[in-house]
Amino acid sequence: MPVLEFTIDPTTGELQMHIQGIAGPACDDVAKLVEELVGKPKREQKTTEYYARTQVRPRARSRGQS
């Protein structure tokens, strides 16, 4: 389940956002939505989860004889 975590520094007002549970480019889509609401971040750092790719393993099915 995706989780968005926000931290606001009470001294500087700086907002930090951490997105968990969304790997790869789909994370960018979520980040863009948040940017529209709160503005662009000063910096962006991608996590190892961002670079994770879903592994698809091919499965061969044998055909039954009729």
Protein backbone atom coordinates (compact mmCIF):
# COMPACT_ATOMS: atom_id res chain seq x y z
CA MET A 1 0.00 0.00 0.00
CA PRO A 2 1.49 3.38 -0.99
CA VAL A 3 2.37 5.78 1.83
CA LEU A 4 3.12 9.51 1.55
CA GLU A 5 4.98 10.91 4.52
CA PHE A 6 5.26 14.67 5.08
CA THR A 7 7.57 16.42 7.53
CA ILE A 8 7.48 20.18 8.14
CA ASP A 9 10.40 21.82 9.91
CA PRO A 10 8.78 24.19 12.44
CA THR A 11 11.74 26.58 12.34
CA THR A 12 12.22 26.97 8.58
CA GLY A 13 8.85 25.79 7.30
CA GLU A 14 10.66 23.43 4.94
CA LEU A 15 8.48 20.57 3.73
CA GLN A 16 9.94 17.14 3.12
CA MET A 17 7.99 14.41 1.39
CA HIS A 18 8.80 10.71 1.21
CA ILE A 19 6.82 8.37 -1.03
CA GLN A 20 6.89 4.67 -0.20
CA GLY A 21 5.29 1.71 -1.92
CA ILE A 22 5.38 3.10 -5.46
CA ALA A 23 8.33 1.94 -7.55
CA GLY A 24 9.63 3.45 -10.75
CA PRO A 25 8.13 6.17 -12.92
CA ALA A 26 4.69 5.86 -11.28
CA CYS A 27 6.28 7.60 -8.30
CA ASP A 28 6.95 10.62 -10.52
CA ASP A 29 3.24 10.90 -11.28
CA VAL A 30 2.39 11.02 -7.58
CA ALA A 31 5.16 13.54 -6.90
CA LYS A 32 3.83 15.81 -9.68
CA LEU A 33 0.38 15.80 -8.10
CA VAL A 34 1.84 16.80 -4.74
CA GLU A 35 3.94 19.54 -6.40
CA GLU A 36 0.75 21.02 -7.83
CA LEU A 37 -0.66 21.24 -4.31
CA VAL A 38 2.35 22.43 -2.31
CA GLY A 39 4.87 23.69 -4.89
CA LYS A 40 8.18 22.51 -6.30
CA PRO A 41 10.81 21.12 -3.93
CA LYS A 42 14.21 22.74 -3.55
CA ARG A 43 15.82 19.38 -4.17
CA GLU A 44 14.74 15.89 -5.14
CA GLN A 45 16.37 12.61 -4.19
CA LYS A 46 15.31 9.31 -5.66
CA THR A 47 15.43 6.25 -3.40
CA THR A 48 16.47 2.71 -4.27
CA GLU A 49 12.78 1.84 -4.38
CA TYR A 50 12.39 4.26 -7.30
CA TYR A 51 14.91 2.29 -9.34
CA ALA A 52 13.32 -1.07 -8.52
CA ARG A 53 11.56 -2.65 -11.45
CA THR A 54 8.83 -5.21 -11.34
CA GLN A 55 10.23 -8.53 -12.43
CA VAL A 56 8.19 -10.38 -14.97
CA ARG A 57 8.99 -14.03 -15.42
CA PRO A 58 7.76 -15.73 -18.56
CA ARG A 59 5.88 -18.97 -18.06
CA ALA A 60 5.52 -21.53 -20.77
CA ARG A 61 2.34 -23.54 -20.94
CA SER A 62 2.30 -26.89 -22.61
CA ARG A 63 -0.49 -27.56 -25.03
CA GLY A 64 -2.65 -30.50 -24.26
CA GLN A 65 -3.38 -32.95 -27.10
CA SER A 66 -6.98 -33.17 -28.30
